[in-house]
Amino acid sequence: MIRTILAVIAGMLVAMASMHLFELASVRVHPFASTVDPRDPAALAAHVATAPFAAMALVVAGWVAGAFAGGLVAALIGRRHRRGAALVIGGLIVASVIAVSMMFTHPLWMTLAGLLLPLPASWLGAFLISKPERATA
């Protein structure tokens, strides 16, 4: 049980790092104006509202890549509950998408992708780890 909890913690750290890298790339596509304070919620909401598709797609790609990488790591570490640990990562990312969508208005496609894609991505990470080796003839 402790190993599974550690697997989820490690997987979530990897997921957050992956998502952060994609968000940094998104800011490179759509940088903040020099007068904008990114810590100000109103300024951040205005920035998100004017972001181009490429910047938003990078954020969604970060959610999916984070779920995959985090699920993969959680499955590697959590021996007995590989799939469960990985799916917890996907579920936590879906919960964070819900929270962020409540704070800032996002396009509908982005919210739907954030709700639908992280769980299958984290499951895929676990699937790739738990897939038995096949003998080659």
Protein backbone atom coordinates (compact mmCIF):
# COMPACT_ATOMS: atom_id res chain seq x y z
CA MET A 1 0.00 0.00 0.00
CA ILE A 2 2.82 2.42 0.88
CA ARG A 3 4.50 1.64 -2.43
CA THR A 4 1.29 2.49 -4.30
CA ILE A 5 0.99 5.82 -2.47
CA LEU A 6 4.62 6.62 -3.30
CA ALA A 7 3.94 5.60 -6.90
CA VAL A 8 1.06 8.09 -7.11
CA ILE A 9 3.15 10.85 -5.55
CA ALA A 10 6.07 10.22 -7.92
CA GLY A 11 3.72 9.93 -10.89
CA MET A 12 2.03 13.20 -10.03
CA LEU A 13 5.39 14.97 -9.70
CA VAL A 14 6.37 13.72 -13.16
CA ALA A 15 2.95 14.71 -14.54
CA MET A 16 3.23 18.22 -13.09
CA ALA A 17 6.75 18.65 -14.48
CA SER A 18 5.59 17.49 -17.93
CA MET A 19 2.58 19.81 -17.89
CA HIS A 20 4.78 22.69 -16.77
CA LEU A 21 7.13 22.18 -19.73
CA PHE A 22 4.22 22.31 -22.17
CA GLU A 23 2.84 25.43 -20.46
CA LEU A 24 6.24 27.09 -20.82
CA ALA A 25 6.14 26.27 -24.54
CA SER A 26 2.63 27.74 -24.69
CA VAL A 27 3.91 30.98 -23.16
CA ARG A 28 6.62 31.07 -25.84
CA VAL A 29 3.89 30.89 -28.50
CA HIS A 30 1.72 33.51 -26.75
CA PRO A 31 3.95 35.52 -24.38
CA PHE A 32 2.63 37.79 -21.66
CA ALA A 33 2.70 41.51 -22.38
CA SER A 34 5.43 43.30 -20.44
CA THR A 35 2.81 45.14 -18.37
CA VAL A 36 0.93 41.95 -17.36
CA ASP A 37 1.51 40.34 -13.98
CA PRO A 38 0.95 36.56 -14.50
CA ARG A 39 0.15 36.21 -10.78
CA ASP A 40 -2.91 38.47 -11.17
CA PRO A 41 -5.96 36.23 -11.81
CA ALA A 42 -7.78 38.87 -13.88
CA ALA A 43 -4.73 39.48 -16.06
CA LEU A 44 -4.22 35.75 -16.48
CA ALA A 45 -7.87 35.29 -17.48
CA ALA A 46 -7.52 38.04 -20.08
CA HIS A 47 -4.35 36.42 -21.39
CA VAL A 48 -6.07 33.02 -21.73
CA ALA A 49 -9.04 34.66 -23.50
CA THR A 50 -6.78 36.05 -26.24
CA ALA A 51 -4.52 33.01 -26.66
CA PRO A 52 -4.25 31.51 -30.16
CA PHE A 53 -5.17 27.90 -30.92
CA ALA A 54 -1.53 26.73 -30.94
CA ALA A 55 -0.96 28.01 -27.40
CA MET A 56 -4.12 26.33 -26.14
CA ALA A 57 -3.32 23.09 -27.98
CA LEU A 58 0.07 22.99 -26.25
CA VAL A 59 -1.64 23.22 -22.86
CA VAL A 60 -3.97 20.33 -23.76
CA ALA A 61 -0.99 18.35 -25.08
CA GLY A 62 0.67 18.97 -21.71
CA TRP A 63 -2.34 17.58 -19.87
CA VAL A 64 -2.26 14.44 -22.02
CA ALA A 65 1.53 14.03 -21.95
CA GLY A 66 1.55 14.61 -18.20
CA ALA A 67 -1.13 11.97 -17.69
CA PHE A 68 0.78 9.51 -19.86
CA ALA A 69 4.18 10.14 -18.27
CA GLY A 70 2.76 10.25 -14.76
CA GLY A 71 0.76 7.08 -15.35
CA LEU A 72 3.84 5.37 -16.74
CA VAL A 73 5.94 6.29 -13.69
CA ALA A 74 3.16 5.37 -11.26
CA ALA A 75 2.79 1.99 -12.97
CA LEU A 76 6.55 1.39 -12.88
CA ILE A 77 6.72 2.05 -9.15
CA GLY A 78 3.40 0.61 -7.98
CA ARG A 79 3.88 -3.11 -8.55
CA ARG A 80 0.65 -4.51 -7.13
CA HIS A 81 -1.69 -1.75 -8.29
CA ARG A 82 -0.11 -0.52 -11.51
CA ARG A 83 -3.29 0.35 -13.36
CA GLY A 84 -4.96 1.84 -10.29
CA ALA A 85 -2.00 4.09 -9.50
CA ALA A 86 -1.86 5.26 -13.11
CA LEU A 87 -5.59 5.98 -13.22
CA VAL A 88 -5.33 8.04 -10.04
CA ILE A 89 -2.88 10.28 -11.93
CA GLY A 90 -5.35 10.67 -14.79
CA GLY A 91 -8.15 11.39 -12.33
CA LEU A 92 -6.11 14.05 -10.53
CA ILE A 93 -5.35 15.74 -13.84
CA VAL A 94 -9.04 15.69 -14.79
CA ALA A 95 -9.82 17.25 -11.39
CA SER A 96 -7.23 19.95 -12.01
CA VAL A 97 -8.70 20.64 -15.46
CA ILE A 98 -12.11 21.11 -13.82
CA ALA A 99 -10.61 23.49 -11.26
CA VAL A 100 -8.74 25.53 -13.86
CA SER A 101 -11.79 25.65 -16.13
CA MET A 102 -13.81 27.06 -13.26
CA MET A 103 -11.21 29.80 -12.67
CA PHE A 104 -10.67 30.79 -16.31
CA THR A 105 -12.93 30.52 -19.31
CA HIS A 106 -11.53 28.06 -21.82
CA PRO A 107 -12.84 27.11 -25.26
CA LEU A 108 -15.27 24.19 -25.09
CA TRP A 109 -12.97 21.92 -27.15
CA MET A 110 -10.18 22.48 -24.66
CA THR A 111 -12.32 21.66 -21.63
CA LEU A 112 -13.75 18.55 -23.30
CA ALA A 113 -10.29 17.34 -24.31
CA GLY A 114 -9.07 17.95 -20.77
CA LEU A 115 -11.94 15.90 -19.37
CA LEU A 116 -11.78 13.04 -21.87
CA LEU A 117 -8.10 12.46 -22.69
CA PRO A 118 -6.07 12.25 -19.44
CA LEU A 119 -7.66 9.01 -18.15
CA PRO A 120 -7.02 7.04 -21.37
CA ALA A 121 -3.49 8.50 -21.55
CA SER A 122 -2.66 7.42 -18.00
CA TRP A 123 -4.20 4.00 -18.66
CA LEU A 124 -2.01 3.68 -21.76
CA GLY A 125 1.08 4.41 -19.66
CA ALA A 126 0.12 1.60 -17.28
CA PHE A 127 -0.76 -0.71 -20.15
CA LEU A 128 2.66 -0.30 -21.73
CA ILE A 129 4.34 -1.16 -18.43
CA SER A 130 2.14 -4.12 -17.51
CA LYS A 131 2.11 -5.65 -20.98
CA PRO A 132 3.79 -9.08 -20.72
CA GLU A 133 6.87 -9.74 -22.79
CA ARG A 134 6.06 -11.82 -25.81
CA ALA A 135 8.43 -14.51 -26.91
CA THR A 136 9.75 -14.06 -30.41
CA ALA A 137 10.07 -17.12 -32.53
